[in-house]
Protein backbone atom coordinates (compact mmCIF):
# COMPACT_ATOMS: atom_id res chain seq x y z
CA MET A 1 182.26 187.83 115.93
CA LYS A 2 184.33 187.72 112.74
CA LYS A 3 182.61 184.51 111.60
CA LEU A 4 179.19 186.09 112.05
CA LEU A 5 180.11 189.01 109.76
CA CYS A 6 181.73 186.84 107.08
CA ALA A 7 178.70 184.62 106.47
CA PRO A 8 176.22 187.42 105.62
CA LEU A 9 178.83 189.20 103.51
CA PHE A 10 179.53 186.02 101.54
CA ALA A 11 175.80 185.46 101.02
CA LEU A 12 175.39 189.02 99.76
CA LEU A 13 178.34 188.78 97.37
CA SER A 14 177.33 185.40 95.98
CA SER A 15 173.74 186.48 95.37
CA ALA A 16 174.88 189.66 93.61
CA ALA A 17 177.04 187.61 91.22
CA SER A 18 174.29 185.17 90.27
CA ALA A 19 172.31 185.53 87.06
CA ALA A 20 168.78 186.84 86.97
CA THR A 21 165.90 184.52 86.26
CA ILE A 22 162.79 184.57 84.12
CA GLU A 23 160.05 182.90 86.14
CA SER A 24 158.04 181.57 83.18
CA GLN A 25 158.00 181.62 79.40
CA ASP A 26 154.96 183.92 79.57
CA GLN A 27 157.17 186.73 80.92
CA LEU A 28 159.42 186.41 77.86
CA LEU A 29 156.62 186.56 75.28
CA GLY A 30 156.39 189.58 73.04
CA ILE A 31 158.62 191.96 71.12
CA TRP A 32 162.07 192.89 72.42
CA ALA A 33 164.21 195.51 70.65
CA MET A 34 167.96 195.36 71.20
CA THR A 35 169.76 198.60 71.98
CA PRO A 36 172.20 199.15 69.10
CA LEU A 37 175.69 197.72 69.33
CA LYS A 38 178.71 199.86 68.40
CA ASN A 39 178.60 198.42 64.86
CA GLY A 40 174.94 199.49 64.44
CA ILE A 41 173.29 196.09 64.82
CA ALA A 42 169.92 196.61 66.50
CA ASN A 43 167.94 193.40 66.02
CA VAL A 44 164.37 192.94 67.19
CA VAL A 45 163.14 189.55 68.39
CA GLU A 46 159.61 188.37 68.97
CA PHE A 47 159.17 185.42 71.33
CA LYS A 48 155.92 183.55 70.64
CA ALA A 49 153.85 181.23 72.83
CA ASP A 50 154.42 178.26 70.48
CA GLY A 51 158.17 178.20 71.25
CA LYS A 52 159.13 180.02 68.04
CA SER A 53 161.03 183.28 67.84
CA ASP A 54 161.27 185.66 64.89
CA LEU A 55 164.55 187.56 64.65
CA HIS A 56 164.23 190.76 62.61
CA PRO A 57 167.77 191.84 61.67
CA PHE A 58 168.41 195.60 61.61
CA ASN A 59 171.60 197.62 61.24
CA CYS A 60 171.39 201.33 62.05
CA ALA A 61 174.79 201.99 60.41
CA ALA A 62 173.87 200.32 57.11
CA PRO A 63 170.10 199.92 56.72
CA SER A 64 168.98 197.18 54.33
CA GLU A 65 166.18 194.64 53.93
CA GLN A 66 167.00 191.27 55.43
CA GLU A 67 165.02 188.08 55.88
CA VAL A 68 163.39 187.28 59.19
CA GLU A 69 165.06 184.29 60.85
CA VAL A 70 162.63 181.90 62.53
CA SER A 71 164.07 179.80 65.37
CA ASP A 72 162.91 177.57 68.18
CA TYR A 73 163.58 178.70 71.73
CA ARG A 74 163.36 177.09 75.14
CA LEU A 75 163.68 178.64 78.57
CA SER A 76 165.73 176.51 80.98
CA GLU A 77 164.02 175.09 84.06
CA ASP A 78 165.94 177.49 86.31
CA GLY A 79 164.99 180.46 84.10
CA GLN A 80 168.60 181.56 83.66
CA THR A 81 169.19 180.44 80.05
CA ILE A 82 167.35 180.81 76.77
CA HIS A 83 168.37 178.08 74.32
CA ILE A 84 167.97 179.10 70.66
CA THR A 85 167.95 176.61 67.78
CA SER A 86 167.93 178.17 64.33
CA PRO A 87 168.35 176.54 60.92
CA TYR A 88 171.97 177.76 61.02
CA GLN A 89 173.12 177.26 64.61
CA SER A 90 172.24 176.56 68.23
CA PHE A 91 173.36 178.71 71.14
CA ASP A 92 172.53 179.70 74.69
CA LEU A 93 171.81 183.19 75.98
CA GLN A 94 172.40 183.74 79.70
CA VAL A 95 169.87 185.95 81.48
CA GLN A 96 171.80 188.68 83.31
CA LYS A 97 168.94 191.07 84.15
CA PHE A 98 165.22 190.81 83.61
CA ASN A 99 162.05 192.72 84.40
CA ALA A 100 158.80 193.42 82.55
CA LYS A 101 160.35 196.25 80.47
CA THR A 102 164.06 195.45 80.12
CA MET A 103 166.23 192.40 79.60
CA GLU A 104 169.98 191.85 79.44
CA LEU A 105 171.34 188.66 77.89
CA SER A 106 174.89 187.47 77.35
CA MET A 107 176.68 184.78 75.42
CA GLU A 108 180.26 183.67 75.10
CA ILE A 109 181.91 183.55 71.67
CA GLU A 110 185.52 182.48 71.26
CA GLY A 111 186.40 183.41 74.84
CA TYR A 112 184.65 186.80 74.74
CA THR A 113 181.42 187.61 76.55
CA LEU A 114 178.94 189.61 74.50
CA THR A 115 176.12 191.42 76.30
CA PHE A 116 172.86 192.48 74.67
CA SER A 117 170.34 194.87 76.23
CA TYR A 118 166.69 194.84 75.19
CA LEU A 119 163.63 197.03 75.72
CA LYS A 120 160.13 195.56 75.56
CA GLY A 121 158.08 197.07 72.76
CA ASN A 122 154.82 196.72 70.92
CA LYS A 123 156.00 196.89 67.29
CA ILE A 124 158.82 195.56 65.15
CA GLU A 125 161.11 198.56 64.95
CA PRO A 126 164.80 199.03 65.77
CA LEU A 127 166.04 201.47 68.40
CA CYS A 128 168.21 203.39 65.93
CA ALA A 129 167.50 206.66 67.76
CA LEU A 130 169.85 205.31 70.46
CA TYR A 131 172.67 204.61 67.98
CA ARG A 132 175.74 206.86 68.33
């Protein structure tokens, strides 16, 4: 009896710990506004059908004009990673949560995991109203 209970529990725990997936690049297309970080950064990214992404840098704590950064992006075959290649660097974003209106991505930098939450939008504008 104990073995029968352990198997479903293990399956439940392992599926809860796994990353979310994006089924196709089409689901990723469009404008995604990042909820502001504690330091005020609230970037907006637009994923385009041609594999390019435009990163619009915003900082709610210190507003200023900054150049748009154009990068290439690629969704992994399993839909769990977005690989970004910019003129300055390459990095992977792990898909933690995803649906048609929200997305949560993470990346590891120097042993720390950073998590970014996004809301789908229809215009290039930061979510500074959410900044505390």
